[in-house]
Amino acid sequence: METPKIFESEYRFCLILWEHEPINSTHLVELCKEQLGWKRTTTYTIIKRLGERGILKNKNGLVTALVSRDE
């Protein structure tokens, strides 16, 4: 399977995710606000997009990566 492509902003998001996963989506929103300056809606949009592309999984508010940092 080919590794999905991600954009720079998505990569910065993934760096936070990889460091803290599995992570509650609410806590992830707080980290993105602190480290990236993102609003809550921006973070949830990225979670949704990356979930649709098979890069992460958001189940019951617990976010985990499906693609490793090395991939």
N, C-alpha and C. Protein backbone atom coordinates (compact mmCIF):
# COMPACT_ATOMS: atom_id res chain seq x y z
N MET A 1 0.84 -1.18 0.00
CA MET A 1 0.00 0.00 0.00
C MET A 1 0.89 1.25 0.00
N GLU A 2 0.53 2.22 -0.80
CA GLU A 2 1.30 3.45 -0.89
C GLU A 2 1.00 4.35 0.30
N THR A 3 2.04 4.95 0.84
CA THR A 3 1.88 5.87 1.97
C THR A 3 1.17 7.13 1.49
N PRO A 4 0.10 7.54 2.17
CA PRO A 4 -0.61 8.75 1.76
C PRO A 4 0.26 9.99 1.89
N LYS A 5 0.08 10.92 0.97
CA LYS A 5 0.81 12.19 1.02
C LYS A 5 0.12 13.12 2.00
N ILE A 6 0.92 13.89 2.72
CA ILE A 6 0.35 14.89 3.63
C ILE A 6 1.01 16.23 3.37
N PHE A 7 0.28 17.28 3.64
CA PHE A 7 0.78 18.64 3.46
C PHE A 7 1.57 19.06 4.70
N GLU A 8 2.32 20.16 4.58
CA GLU A 8 3.18 20.64 5.66
C GLU A 8 2.41 20.85 6.96
N SER A 9 1.27 21.52 6.89
CA SER A 9 0.49 21.77 8.11
C SER A 9 -0.01 20.46 8.72
N GLU A 10 -0.36 19.50 7.88
CA GLU A 10 -0.80 18.19 8.37
C GLU A 10 0.37 17.46 9.03
N TYR A 11 1.56 17.63 8.47
CA TYR A 11 2.74 17.00 9.05
C TYR A 11 3.04 17.56 10.44
N ARG A 12 2.93 18.89 10.59
CA ARG A 12 3.16 19.50 11.90
C ARG A 12 2.13 18.98 12.91
N PHE A 13 0.90 18.79 12.46
CA PHE A 13 -0.15 18.20 13.30
C PHE A 13 0.24 16.77 13.69
N CYS A 14 0.71 16.00 12.70
CA CYS A 14 1.09 14.60 12.95
C CYS A 14 2.25 14.50 13.93
N LEU A 15 3.17 15.45 13.88
CA LEU A 15 4.28 15.44 14.85
C LEU A 15 3.75 15.49 16.28
N ILE A 16 2.75 16.31 16.50
CA ILE A 16 2.12 16.41 17.83
C ILE A 16 1.42 15.09 18.16
N LEU A 17 0.68 14.57 17.19
CA LEU A 17 -0.05 13.31 17.40
C LEU A 17 0.91 12.17 17.72
N TRP A 18 1.96 12.02 16.93
CA TRP A 18 2.91 10.92 17.16
C TRP A 18 3.56 11.01 18.53
N GLU A 19 3.81 12.21 19.00
CA GLU A 19 4.46 12.39 20.30
C GLU A 19 3.54 12.02 21.46
N HIS A 20 2.22 12.20 21.29
CA HIS A 20 1.29 12.05 22.41
C HIS A 20 0.28 10.91 22.25
N GLU A 21 0.30 10.20 21.14
CA GLU A 21 -0.75 9.20 20.90
C GLU A 21 -0.65 8.01 21.83
N PRO A 22 -1.76 7.33 22.10
CA PRO A 22 -3.12 7.76 21.78
C PRO A 22 -3.51 8.95 22.65
N ILE A 23 -4.27 9.85 22.07
CA ILE A 23 -4.59 11.10 22.75
C ILE A 23 -6.06 11.43 22.58
N ASN A 24 -6.65 11.95 23.63
CA ASN A 24 -8.03 12.42 23.59
C ASN A 24 -8.11 13.62 22.65
N SER A 25 -9.12 13.67 21.81
CA SER A 25 -9.23 14.76 20.82
C SER A 25 -9.29 16.14 21.47
N THR A 26 -9.89 16.24 22.65
CA THR A 26 -9.97 17.53 23.35
C THR A 26 -8.57 18.00 23.74
N HIS A 27 -7.76 17.09 24.24
CA HIS A 27 -6.38 17.44 24.61
C HIS A 27 -5.57 17.77 23.35
N LEU A 28 -5.81 17.07 22.27
CA LEU A 28 -5.13 17.35 21.00
C LEU A 28 -5.47 18.75 20.50
N VAL A 29 -6.72 19.16 20.65
CA VAL A 29 -7.14 20.51 20.29
C VAL A 29 -6.35 21.54 21.10
N GLU A 30 -6.19 21.29 22.40
CA GLU A 30 -5.44 22.22 23.26
C GLU A 30 -3.98 22.31 22.83
N LEU A 31 -3.37 21.17 22.51
CA LEU A 31 -1.97 21.17 22.08
C LEU A 31 -1.80 21.91 20.75
N CYS A 32 -2.73 21.71 19.83
CA CYS A 32 -2.65 22.39 18.53
C CYS A 32 -2.83 23.90 18.69
N LYS A 33 -3.66 24.29 19.63
CA LYS A 33 -3.84 25.72 19.90
C LYS A 33 -2.55 26.32 20.44
N GLU A 34 -1.91 25.61 21.39
CA GLU A 34 -0.67 26.10 22.00
C GLU A 34 0.49 26.10 21.01
N GLN A 35 0.66 25.01 20.28
CA GLN A 35 1.86 24.84 19.46
C GLN A 35 1.72 25.35 18.03
N LEU A 36 0.51 25.33 17.50
CA LEU A 36 0.31 25.73 16.10
C LEU A 36 -0.53 26.99 15.95
N GLY A 37 -1.18 27.41 17.04
CA GLY A 37 -2.04 28.59 16.98
C GLY A 37 -3.36 28.33 16.28
N TRP A 38 -3.77 27.05 16.23
CA TRP A 38 -5.00 26.68 15.53
C TRP A 38 -6.22 26.85 16.41
N LYS A 39 -7.35 27.13 15.76
CA LYS A 39 -8.64 27.14 16.45
C LYS A 39 -9.15 25.71 16.55
N ARG A 40 -10.10 25.52 17.43
CA ARG A 40 -10.69 24.18 17.63
C ARG A 40 -11.21 23.60 16.34
N THR A 41 -11.92 24.42 15.56
CA THR A 41 -12.53 23.92 14.31
C THR A 41 -11.47 23.47 13.30
N THR A 42 -10.34 24.16 13.27
CA THR A 42 -9.26 23.78 12.36
C THR A 42 -8.73 22.40 12.72
N THR A 43 -8.50 22.17 14.00
CA THR A 43 -7.99 20.87 14.44
C THR A 43 -8.97 19.76 14.11
N TYR A 44 -10.25 19.97 14.38
CA TYR A 44 -11.23 18.92 14.08
C TYR A 44 -11.36 18.68 12.58
N THR A 45 -11.19 19.72 11.77
CA THR A 45 -11.22 19.56 10.32
C THR A 45 -10.05 18.67 9.86
N ILE A 46 -8.86 18.91 10.41
CA ILE A 46 -7.68 18.11 10.06
C ILE A 46 -7.87 16.67 10.53
N ILE A 47 -8.41 16.48 11.73
CA ILE A 47 -8.67 15.12 12.23
C ILE A 47 -9.61 14.40 11.26
N LYS A 48 -10.65 15.08 10.82
CA LYS A 48 -11.62 14.47 9.91
C LYS A 48 -10.96 14.13 8.56
N ARG A 49 -10.22 15.08 8.00
CA ARG A 49 -9.57 14.86 6.69
C ARG A 49 -8.58 13.70 6.73
N LEU A 50 -7.73 13.71 7.75
CA LEU A 50 -6.72 12.65 7.85
C LEU A 50 -7.36 11.30 8.15
N GLY A 51 -8.47 11.31 8.86
CA GLY A 51 -9.21 10.08 9.09
C GLY A 51 -9.79 9.51 7.81
N GLU A 52 -10.33 10.39 6.97
CA GLU A 52 -10.90 9.96 5.69
C GLU A 52 -9.82 9.41 4.75
N ARG A 53 -8.60 9.89 4.90
CA ARG A 53 -7.50 9.45 4.05
C ARG A 53 -6.73 8.27 4.64
N GLY A 54 -7.18 7.77 5.79
CA GLY A 54 -6.57 6.59 6.39
C GLY A 54 -5.24 6.85 7.09
N ILE A 55 -5.00 8.09 7.50
CA ILE A 55 -3.75 8.44 8.17
C ILE A 55 -3.89 8.32 9.68
N LEU A 56 -5.10 8.56 10.18
CA LEU A 56 -5.34 8.41 11.61
C LEU A 56 -6.73 7.84 11.84
N LYS A 57 -6.95 7.45 13.09
CA LYS A 57 -8.25 6.91 13.49
C LYS A 57 -8.74 7.71 14.68
N ASN A 58 -10.00 8.12 14.63
CA ASN A 58 -10.62 8.83 15.74
C ASN A 58 -11.82 8.00 16.17
N LYS A 59 -11.64 7.26 17.23
CA LYS A 59 -12.72 6.40 17.72
C LYS A 59 -13.09 6.83 19.13
N ASN A 60 -14.34 7.26 19.29
CA ASN A 60 -14.85 7.72 20.59
C ASN A 60 -13.98 8.81 21.19
N GLY A 61 -13.46 9.69 20.33
CA GLY A 61 -12.68 10.82 20.81
C GLY A 61 -11.22 10.50 21.11
N LEU A 62 -10.79 9.26 20.86
CA LEU A 62 -9.40 8.86 21.07
C LEU A 62 -8.72 8.78 19.71
N VAL A 63 -7.71 9.63 19.51
CA VAL A 63 -7.07 9.74 18.21
C VAL A 63 -5.75 8.96 18.23
N THR A 64 -5.57 8.09 17.24
CA THR A 64 -4.32 7.34 17.07
C THR A 64 -3.92 7.36 15.59
N ALA A 65 -2.63 7.34 15.36
CA ALA A 65 -2.10 7.36 13.99
C ALA A 65 -2.16 5.95 13.40
N LEU A 66 -2.49 5.88 12.12
CA LEU A 66 -2.46 4.61 11.39
C LEU A 66 -1.21 4.54 10.51
N VAL A 67 -0.53 5.67 10.38
CA VAL A 67 0.71 5.78 9.62
C VAL A 67 1.80 6.19 10.61
N SER A 68 2.89 5.46 10.62
CA SER A 68 3.97 5.79 11.56
C SER A 68 4.79 6.97 11.06
N ARG A 69 5.57 7.52 11.95
CA ARG A 69 6.43 8.64 11.61
C ARG A 69 7.43 8.23 10.53
N ASP A 70 7.93 7.00 10.59
CA ASP A 70 8.92 6.52 9.62
C ASP A 70 8.34 6.38 8.22
N GLU A 71 7.05 6.05 8.14
CA GLU A 71 6.41 5.89 6.83
C GLU A 71 6.27 7.23 6.15
